[in-house]
């Protein structure tokens, strides 16, 4: 049974690395169940869904708006921040401990404003001028993620909802 679990784990990791999600299953004459990524005669196709949170998103452009808002609007602007990837309660498998976070800020924020990633309520890394943030060497386990939009004076002007992710890293 443990060998079957190891085989399935290996196949799942292989599928993620190859960007494929097809597995074929068959039972031999002795009643042993086999799995493969190649279509063997008599095998049935098994579909494995891979969460998009395991894929690193394409790099984003700068979040600084091209046209600054008039000064009268700056003080009245209501910003909203959200985390678009990874999804809440998703599992990330990364043996290096990297978590890539994609955010959405509306409206586009201005020069002097930046994003700060918080993991478990603690700021991680430097403030950023892009909507894609990367946290490195994070310990395995469940973590809460949040992003904050900060103005040039250091005041928090928008915060995302807190989401939970589960980071899996191989252990010795």
C-alpha atoms as a PDB file:
ATOM      1  CA  UNK A   1       0.000   0.000   0.000  1.00  0.00           C
ATOM      2  CA  UNK A   2       2.781   2.440   0.852  1.00  0.00           C
ATOM      3  CA  UNK A   3       4.413   1.717  -2.525  1.00  0.00           C
ATOM      4  CA  UNK A   4       1.184   2.590  -4.285  1.00  0.00           C
ATOM      5  CA  UNK A   5       1.066   5.872  -2.339  1.00  0.00           C
ATOM      6  CA  UNK A   6       4.685   6.607  -3.286  1.00  0.00           C
ATOM      7  CA  UNK A   7       3.967   5.803  -6.923  1.00  0.00           C
ATOM      8  CA  UNK A   8       0.932   8.086  -6.967  1.00  0.00           C
ATOM      9  CA  UNK A   9       2.909  10.869  -5.264  1.00  0.00           C
ATOM     10  CA  UNK A  10       5.719  10.521  -7.783  1.00  0.00           C
ATOM     11  CA  UNK A  11       3.281  10.541 -10.698  1.00  0.00           C
ATOM     12  CA  UNK A  12       1.560  13.638  -9.339  1.00  0.00           C
ATOM     13  CA  UNK A  13       4.862  15.503  -9.003  1.00  0.00           C
ATOM     14  CA  UNK A  14       5.934  14.351 -12.478  1.00  0.00           C
ATOM     15  CA  UNK A  15       2.681  15.574 -13.935  1.00  0.00           C
ATOM     16  CA  UNK A  16       3.136  18.995 -12.374  1.00  0.00           C
ATOM     17  CA  UNK A  17       6.671  19.269 -13.742  1.00  0.00           C
ATOM     18  CA  UNK A  18       5.582  18.242 -17.249  1.00  0.00           C
ATOM     19  CA  UNK A  19       2.477  20.451 -17.300  1.00  0.00           C
ATOM     20  CA  UNK A  20       0.331  17.417 -18.151  1.00  0.00           C
ATOM     21  CA  UNK A  21      -2.575  16.015 -16.245  1.00  0.00           C
ATOM     22  CA  UNK A  22      -3.284  12.649 -17.919  1.00  0.00           C
ATOM     23  CA  UNK A  23      -2.559   9.338 -16.240  1.00  0.00           C
ATOM     24  CA  UNK A  24      -3.412   5.885 -17.489  1.00  0.00           C
ATOM     25  CA  UNK A  25      -4.424   3.019 -15.175  1.00  0.00           C
ATOM     26  CA  UNK A  26      -4.577  -0.693 -15.870  1.00  0.00           C
ATOM     27  CA  UNK A  27      -4.661  -3.993 -13.985  1.00  0.00           C
ATOM     28  CA  UNK A  28      -2.324  -6.810 -15.097  1.00  0.00           C
ATOM     29  CA  UNK A  29      -3.138 -10.560 -15.147  1.00  0.00           C
ATOM     30  CA  UNK A  30      -2.006 -10.915 -11.510  1.00  0.00           C
ATOM     31  CA  UNK A  31      -4.423  -8.216 -10.364  1.00  0.00           C
ATOM     32  CA  UNK A  32      -1.705  -5.582  -9.770  1.00  0.00           C
ATOM     33  CA  UNK A  33      -2.797  -2.002 -10.515  1.00  0.00           C
ATOM     34  CA  UNK A  34      -0.353   0.033 -12.630  1.00  0.00           C
ATOM     35  CA  UNK A  35      -0.214   3.744 -13.481  1.00  0.00           C
ATOM     36  CA  UNK A  36       1.637   5.439 -16.326  1.00  0.00           C
ATOM     37  CA  UNK A  37       1.760   8.710 -18.231  1.00  0.00           C
ATOM     38  CA  UNK A  38       1.832   6.709 -21.493  1.00  0.00           C
ATOM     39  CA  UNK A  39      -1.253   5.097 -22.970  1.00  0.00           C
ATOM     40  CA  UNK A  40      -0.830   1.318 -22.628  1.00  0.00           C
ATOM     41  CA  UNK A  41      -3.139  -0.991 -24.591  1.00  0.00           C
ATOM     42  CA  UNK A  42      -6.242  -1.646 -22.464  1.00  0.00           C
ATOM     43  CA  UNK A  43      -5.529   1.175 -20.002  1.00  0.00           C
ATOM     44  CA  UNK A  44      -8.186   3.614 -18.892  1.00  0.00           C
ATOM     45  CA  UNK A  45      -7.467   7.339 -18.809  1.00  0.00           C
ATOM     46  CA  UNK A  46      -7.565   8.923 -15.339  1.00  0.00           C
ATOM     47  CA  UNK A  47      -7.887  12.695 -15.148  1.00  0.00           C
ATOM     48  CA  UNK A  48      -5.899  14.499 -12.429  1.00  0.00           C
ATOM     49  CA  UNK A  49      -6.733  18.136 -11.818  1.00  0.00           C
ATOM     50  CA  UNK A  50      -3.839  20.358 -10.819  1.00  0.00           C
ATOM     51  CA  UNK A  51      -4.567  23.513  -8.882  1.00  0.00           C
ATOM     52  CA  UNK A  52      -3.437  26.683 -10.711  1.00  0.00           C
ATOM     53  CA  UNK A  53      -1.886  27.858  -7.463  1.00  0.00           C
ATOM     54  CA  UNK A  54       1.021  25.483  -8.078  1.00  0.00           C
ATOM     55  CA  UNK A  55       2.018  27.293 -11.221  1.00  0.00           C
ATOM     56  CA  UNK A  56       4.100  30.430 -11.006  1.00  0.00           C
ATOM     57  CA  UNK A  57       2.161  33.261 -12.629  1.00  0.00           C
ATOM     58  CA  UNK A  58       3.554  35.359 -15.451  1.00  0.00           C
ATOM     59  CA  UNK A  59       5.468  38.447 -14.320  1.00  0.00           C
ATOM     60  CA  UNK A  60       3.357  41.514 -13.877  1.00  0.00           C
ATOM     61  CA  UNK A  61       3.958  45.054 -15.005  1.00  0.00           C
ATOM     62  CA  UNK A  62       4.503  47.937 -12.630  1.00  0.00           C
ATOM     63  CA  UNK A  63       1.458  49.004 -10.642  1.00  0.00           C
ATOM     64  CA  UNK A  64       2.322  52.678 -10.878  1.00  0.00           C
ATOM     65  CA  UNK A  65      -0.314  54.424 -12.962  1.00  0.00           C
ATOM     66  CA  UNK A  66       0.734  56.115 -16.164  1.00  0.00           C
ATOM     67  CA  UNK A  67      -1.277  59.276 -15.450  1.00  0.00           C
ATOM     68  CA  UNK A  68      -1.238  60.617 -11.911  1.00  0.00           C
ATOM     69  CA  UNK A  69      -4.634  61.485 -10.507  1.00  0.00           C
ATOM     70  CA  UNK A  70      -5.418  65.126  -9.847  1.00  0.00           C
ATOM     71  CA  UNK A  71      -4.476  66.269  -6.346  1.00  0.00           C
ATOM     72  CA  UNK A  72      -8.112  66.744  -5.325  1.00  0.00           C
ATOM     73  CA  UNK A  73      -8.823  63.050  -6.056  1.00  0.00           C
ATOM     74  CA  UNK A  74      -5.732  61.700  -4.259  1.00  0.00           C
ATOM     75  CA  UNK A  75      -7.080  62.320  -0.775  1.00  0.00           C
ATOM     76  CA  UNK A  76     -10.511  60.860  -1.639  1.00  0.00           C
ATOM     77  CA  UNK A  77      -9.329  57.781  -3.523  1.00  0.00           C
ATOM     78  CA  UNK A  78     -10.524  54.530  -1.966  1.00  0.00           C
ATOM     79  CA  UNK A  79      -8.101  51.736  -2.804  1.00  0.00           C
ATOM     80  CA  UNK A  80      -8.893  48.043  -2.680  1.00  0.00           C
ATOM     81  CA  UNK A  81      -6.306  45.279  -2.411  1.00  0.00           C
ATOM     82  CA  UNK A  82      -6.838  41.578  -3.017  1.00  0.00           C
ATOM     83  CA  UNK A  83      -4.776  38.431  -3.483  1.00  0.00           C
ATOM     84  CA  UNK A  84      -5.649  36.690  -6.751  1.00  0.00           C
ATOM     85  CA  UNK A  85      -3.131  33.846  -6.467  1.00  0.00           C
ATOM     86  CA  UNK A  86      -2.684  31.557  -4.631  1.00  0.00           C
ATOM     87  CA  UNK A  87      -6.266  30.728  -3.766  1.00  0.00           C
ATOM     88  CA  UNK A  88      -7.471  30.549  -0.169  1.00  0.00           C
ATOM     89  CA  UNK A  89      -6.862  27.153   1.477  1.00  0.00           C
ATOM     90  CA  UNK A  90      -4.695  25.929  -1.421  1.00  0.00           C
ATOM     91  CA  UNK A  91      -1.650  23.690  -1.054  1.00  0.00           C
ATOM     92  CA  UNK A  92       1.660  24.806  -2.537  1.00  0.00           C
ATOM     93  CA  UNK A  93       4.364  22.224  -3.100  1.00  0.00           C
ATOM     94  CA  UNK A  94       7.773  23.903  -3.307  1.00  0.00           C
ATOM     95  CA  UNK A  95      10.876  22.327  -1.789  1.00  0.00           C
ATOM     96  CA  UNK A  96      12.707  25.670  -1.793  1.00  0.00           C
ATOM     97  CA  UNK A  97       9.935  27.278   0.269  1.00  0.00           C
ATOM     98  CA  UNK A  98       8.931  29.902  -2.302  1.00  0.00           C
ATOM     99  CA  UNK A  99       5.452  31.390  -2.309  1.00  0.00           C
ATOM    100  CA  UNK A 100       4.494  33.583  -5.255  1.00  0.00           C
ATOM    101  CA  UNK A 101       1.656  36.015  -4.510  1.00  0.00           C
ATOM    102  CA  UNK A 102      -0.238  37.866  -7.239  1.00  0.00           C
ATOM    103  CA  UNK A 103      -2.266  40.866  -6.144  1.00  0.00           C
ATOM    104  CA  UNK A 104      -4.860  43.170  -7.611  1.00  0.00           C
ATOM    105  CA  UNK A 105      -4.950  46.839  -6.616  1.00  0.00           C
ATOM    106  CA  UNK A 106      -7.758  49.103  -7.783  1.00  0.00           C
ATOM    107  CA  UNK A 107      -7.426  51.774  -8.879  1.00  0.00           C
ATOM    108  CA  UNK A 108      -3.782  51.539  -9.998  1.00  0.00           C
ATOM    109  CA  UNK A 109      -1.727  53.145  -7.310  1.00  0.00           C
ATOM    110  CA  UNK A 110       0.617  56.072  -7.736  1.00  0.00           C
ATOM    111  CA  UNK A 111       4.316  56.872  -7.424  1.00  0.00           C
ATOM    112  CA  UNK A 112       5.483  56.632  -3.841  1.00  0.00           C
ATOM    113  CA  UNK A 113       2.991  53.915  -2.939  1.00  0.00           C
ATOM    114  CA  UNK A 114       4.132  50.325  -2.466  1.00  0.00           C
ATOM    115  CA  UNK A 115       2.968  46.839  -1.504  1.00  0.00           C
ATOM    116  CA  UNK A 116       4.071  44.916   1.564  1.00  0.00           C
ATOM    117  CA  UNK A 117       3.525  41.158   1.915  1.00  0.00           C
ATOM    118  CA  UNK A 118       2.672  39.848   5.379  1.00  0.00           C
ATOM    119  CA  UNK A 119       3.031  36.172   6.272  1.00  0.00           C
ATOM    120  CA  UNK A 120       1.488  35.182   9.586  1.00  0.00           C
ATOM    121  CA  UNK A 121       1.066  38.893  10.389  1.00  0.00           C
ATOM    122  CA  UNK A 122       4.771  39.703   9.935  1.00  0.00           C
ATOM    123  CA  UNK A 123       6.119  41.823   7.037  1.00  0.00           C
ATOM    124  CA  UNK A 124       8.267  39.717   4.709  1.00  0.00           C
ATOM    125  CA  UNK A 125      10.907  41.210   2.431  1.00  0.00           C
ATOM    126  CA  UNK A 126      11.040  44.712   1.045  1.00  0.00           C
ATOM    127  CA  UNK A 127       8.138  46.837  -0.129  1.00  0.00           C
ATOM    128  CA  UNK A 128       7.426  46.372  -3.849  1.00  0.00           C
ATOM    129  CA  UNK A 129       6.245  48.419  -6.798  1.00  0.00           C
ATOM    130  CA  UNK A 130       4.834  45.377  -8.648  1.00  0.00           C
ATOM    131  CA  UNK A 131       1.708  43.290  -8.173  1.00  0.00           C
ATOM    132  CA  UNK A 132       3.638  40.005  -8.083  1.00  0.00           C
ATOM    133  CA  UNK A 133       5.449  39.353  -4.804  1.00  0.00           C
ATOM    134  CA  UNK A 134       7.766  36.448  -3.983  1.00  0.00           C
ATOM    135  CA  UNK A 135       8.508  35.158  -0.497  1.00  0.00           C
ATOM    136  CA  UNK A 136      11.488  32.801  -0.272  1.00  0.00           C
ATOM    137  CA  UNK A 137      12.626  30.119   2.146  1.00  0.00           C
ATOM    138  CA  UNK A 138       9.314  29.937   4.012  1.00  0.00           C
ATOM    139  CA  UNK A 139       8.949  27.067   6.504  1.00  0.00           C
ATOM    140  CA  UNK A 140       6.538  24.290   5.634  1.00  0.00           C
ATOM    141  CA  UNK A 141       3.094  24.362   7.205  1.00  0.00           C
ATOM    142  CA  UNK A 142      -0.018  26.526   7.098  1.00  0.00           C
ATOM    143  CA  UNK A 143       0.466  30.273   6.746  1.00  0.00           C
ATOM    144  CA  UNK A 144      -1.782  33.328   6.574  1.00  0.00           C
ATOM    145  CA  UNK A 145      -1.064  35.775   3.732  1.00  0.00           C
ATOM    146  CA  UNK A 146      -2.064  39.414   3.408  1.00  0.00           C
ATOM    147  CA  UNK A 147      -0.892  42.370   1.333  1.00  0.00           C
ATOM    148  CA  UNK A 148      -0.997  46.016   2.345  1.00  0.00           C
ATOM    149  CA  UNK A 149      -0.878  49.077   0.112  1.00  0.00           C
ATOM    150  CA  UNK A 150       1.253  51.724   1.806  1.00  0.00           C
ATOM    151  CA  UNK A 151       1.464  55.399   0.851  1.00  0.00           C
ATOM    152  CA  UNK A 152       4.661  57.452   0.644  1.00  0.00           C
ATOM    153  CA  UNK A 153       4.277  58.492   4.311  1.00  0.00           C
ATOM    154  CA  UNK A 154       4.140  54.869   5.518  1.00  0.00           C
ATOM    155  CA  UNK A 155       0.372  54.869   6.160  1.00  0.00           C
ATOM    156  CA  UNK A 156      -1.578  51.726   5.240  1.00  0.00           C
ATOM    157  CA  UNK A 157      -4.260  52.790   2.761  1.00  0.00           C
ATOM    158  CA  UNK A 158      -5.606  49.344   1.766  1.00  0.00           C
ATOM    159  CA  UNK A 159      -5.315  45.765   3.000  1.00  0.00           C
ATOM    160  CA  UNK A 160      -6.359  42.512   1.396  1.00  0.00           C
ATOM    161  CA  UNK A 161      -8.358  39.855   3.153  1.00  0.00           C
ATOM    162  CA  UNK A 162      -6.227  37.301   4.959  1.00  0.00           C
ATOM    163  CA  UNK A 163      -5.996  33.961   3.152  1.00  0.00           C
ATOM    164  CA  UNK A 164      -4.511  30.676   4.320  1.00  0.00           C
ATOM    165  CA  UNK A 165      -2.145  28.527   2.259  1.00  0.00           C
ATOM    166  CA  UNK A 166      -0.442  25.255   3.091  1.00  0.00           C
ATOM    167  CA  UNK A 167       3.211  24.963   2.052  1.00  0.00           C
ATOM    168  CA  UNK A 168       4.595  21.466   1.597  1.00  0.00           C
ATOM    169  CA  UNK A 169       8.350  20.915   1.508  1.00  0.00           C
ATOM    170  CA  UNK A 170      10.178  17.610   1.479  1.00  0.00           C
ATOM    171  CA  UNK A 171      11.782  16.693   4.769  1.00  0.00           C
ATOM    172  CA  UNK A 172      14.671  14.361   5.501  1.00  0.00           C
END
